[in-house]
Amino acid sequence: MFEAVKEKTEIGVLIDRLGFNTKEKNKFLVMLNGHMPMLAYDDGQYNVIGKFPLIHCGPLDAIPKCKWTGWN
């Protein structure tokens, strides 16, 4: 588990260092995930490391469920 957290942190720091999602560099990064059976959007304010938007869009013909577990 700790190795996965370390890898996520390293990737986030690299994204920050490369200057994504800054007006002066004019580069934009978004994570799009189609695996989870849900529809969700985070504009990056909860993405502490990397600060890029997250979009989750699974199969929309699935039975809808409403739950919130956080963005961990």
C-alpha atoms as a PDB file:
ATOM      1  CA  MET A   1       0.000   0.000   0.000  1.00  0.00           C
ATOM      2  CA  PHE A   2       2.712   2.472   0.900  1.00  0.00           C
ATOM      3  CA  GLU A   3       4.494   1.846  -2.399  1.00  0.00           C
ATOM      4  CA  ALA A   4       1.318   2.789  -4.322  1.00  0.00           C
ATOM      5  CA  VAL A   5       1.012   6.038  -2.335  1.00  0.00           C
ATOM      6  CA  LYS A   6       4.674   6.822  -3.035  1.00  0.00           C
ATOM      7  CA  GLU A   7       4.182   6.219  -6.778  1.00  0.00           C
ATOM      8  CA  LYS A   8       1.047   8.397  -6.881  1.00  0.00           C
ATOM      9  CA  THR A   9       2.926  11.180  -5.096  1.00  0.00           C
ATOM     10  CA  GLU A  10       5.871  10.953  -7.496  1.00  0.00           C
ATOM     11  CA  ILE A  11       3.547  11.147 -10.521  1.00  0.00           C
ATOM     12  CA  GLY A  12       1.693  14.131  -9.031  1.00  0.00           C
ATOM     13  CA  VAL A  13       4.930  15.974  -8.302  1.00  0.00           C
ATOM     14  CA  LEU A  14       6.103  15.330 -11.873  1.00  0.00           C
ATOM     15  CA  ILE A  15       2.818  16.705 -13.251  1.00  0.00           C
ATOM     16  CA  ASP A  16       3.284  19.854 -11.135  1.00  0.00           C
ATOM     17  CA  ARG A  17       6.909  20.203 -12.237  1.00  0.00           C
ATOM     18  CA  LEU A  18       6.007  19.882 -15.939  1.00  0.00           C
ATOM     19  CA  GLY A  19       3.582  22.784 -15.540  1.00  0.00           C
ATOM     20  CA  PHE A  20       0.288  21.194 -16.522  1.00  0.00           C
ATOM     21  CA  ASN A  21      -2.916  23.177 -15.876  1.00  0.00           C
ATOM     22  CA  THR A  22      -1.131  26.505 -15.617  1.00  0.00           C
ATOM     23  CA  LYS A  23      -1.985  29.471 -17.824  1.00  0.00           C
ATOM     24  CA  GLU A  24       1.630  30.357 -18.579  1.00  0.00           C
ATOM     25  CA  LYS A  25       2.537  26.900 -19.983  1.00  0.00           C
ATOM     26  CA  ASN A  26      -0.800  26.426 -21.840  1.00  0.00           C
ATOM     27  CA  LYS A  27      -0.784  22.647 -21.200  1.00  0.00           C
ATOM     28  CA  PHE A  28      -3.879  20.928 -19.880  1.00  0.00           C
ATOM     29  CA  LEU A  29      -4.249  17.505 -18.274  1.00  0.00           C
ATOM     30  CA  VAL A  30      -7.454  15.629 -17.372  1.00  0.00           C
ATOM     31  CA  MET A  31      -7.904  12.097 -16.046  1.00  0.00           C
ATOM     32  CA  LEU A  32     -10.822  10.304 -17.701  1.00  0.00           C
ATOM     33  CA  ASN A  33     -11.872   6.977 -16.192  1.00  0.00           C
ATOM     34  CA  GLY A  34     -14.531   4.749 -17.728  1.00  0.00           C
ATOM     35  CA  HIS A  35     -14.206   1.813 -15.362  1.00  0.00           C
ATOM     36  CA  MET A  36     -16.344   2.757 -12.352  1.00  0.00           C
ATOM     37  CA  PRO A  37     -20.126   2.445 -12.737  1.00  0.00           C
ATOM     38  CA  MET A  38     -20.760   6.081 -11.867  1.00  0.00           C
ATOM     39  CA  LEU A  39     -20.807   9.587 -13.251  1.00  0.00           C
ATOM     40  CA  ALA A  40     -18.659  12.086 -11.363  1.00  0.00           C
ATOM     41  CA  TYR A  41     -16.531  15.179 -11.934  1.00  0.00           C
ATOM     42  CA  ASP A  42     -13.929  16.887  -9.761  1.00  0.00           C
ATOM     43  CA  ASP A  43     -12.482  20.155 -11.055  1.00  0.00           C
ATOM     44  CA  GLY A  44      -9.154  19.425  -9.360  1.00  0.00           C
ATOM     45  CA  GLN A  45      -9.760  21.133  -6.023  1.00  0.00           C
ATOM     46  CA  TYR A  46      -9.819  17.767  -4.218  1.00  0.00           C
ATOM     47  CA  ASN A  47      -6.872  16.409  -6.181  1.00  0.00           C
ATOM     48  CA  VAL A  48      -4.165  17.523  -3.762  1.00  0.00           C
ATOM     49  CA  ILE A  49      -1.168  16.334  -5.775  1.00  0.00           C
ATOM     50  CA  GLY A  50      -1.347  17.257  -9.440  1.00  0.00           C
ATOM     51  CA  LYS A  51      -4.486  19.406  -9.146  1.00  0.00           C
ATOM     52  CA  PHE A  52      -5.870  18.179 -12.476  1.00  0.00           C
ATOM     53  CA  PRO A  53      -9.575  17.461 -13.071  1.00  0.00           C
ATOM     54  CA  LEU A  54     -10.912  13.915 -12.677  1.00  0.00           C
ATOM     55  CA  ILE A  55     -13.844  12.620 -14.735  1.00  0.00           C
ATOM     56  CA  HIS A  56     -15.470   9.238 -14.075  1.00  0.00           C
ATOM     57  CA  CYS A  57     -18.055   7.961 -16.521  1.00  0.00           C
ATOM     58  CA  GLY A  58     -19.000   4.316 -16.464  1.00  0.00           C
ATOM     59  CA  PRO A  59     -21.773   2.544 -18.340  1.00  0.00           C
ATOM     60  CA  LEU A  60     -24.800   4.800 -18.018  1.00  0.00           C
ATOM     61  CA  ASP A  61     -27.275   1.979 -18.606  1.00  0.00           C
ATOM     62  CA  ALA A  62     -26.401   0.404 -15.222  1.00  0.00           C
ATOM     63  CA  ILE A  63     -28.753   0.580 -12.235  1.00  0.00           C
ATOM     64  CA  PRO A  64     -28.081   3.954 -10.564  1.00  0.00           C
ATOM     65  CA  LYS A  65     -26.689   4.075  -7.020  1.00  0.00           C
ATOM     66  CA  CYS A  66     -25.873   7.168  -5.017  1.00  0.00           C
ATOM     67  CA  LYS A  67     -22.912   6.931  -2.659  1.00  0.00           C
ATOM     68  CA  TRP A  68     -19.911   9.010  -1.659  1.00  0.00           C
ATOM     69  CA  THR A  69     -16.676   7.494  -0.423  1.00  0.00           C
ATOM     70  CA  GLY A  70     -14.311  10.370  -1.140  1.00  0.00           C
ATOM     71  CA  TRP A  71     -11.570  10.710  -3.716  1.00  0.00           C
ATOM     72  CA  ASN A  72      -8.915   8.526  -2.067  1.00  0.00           C
END
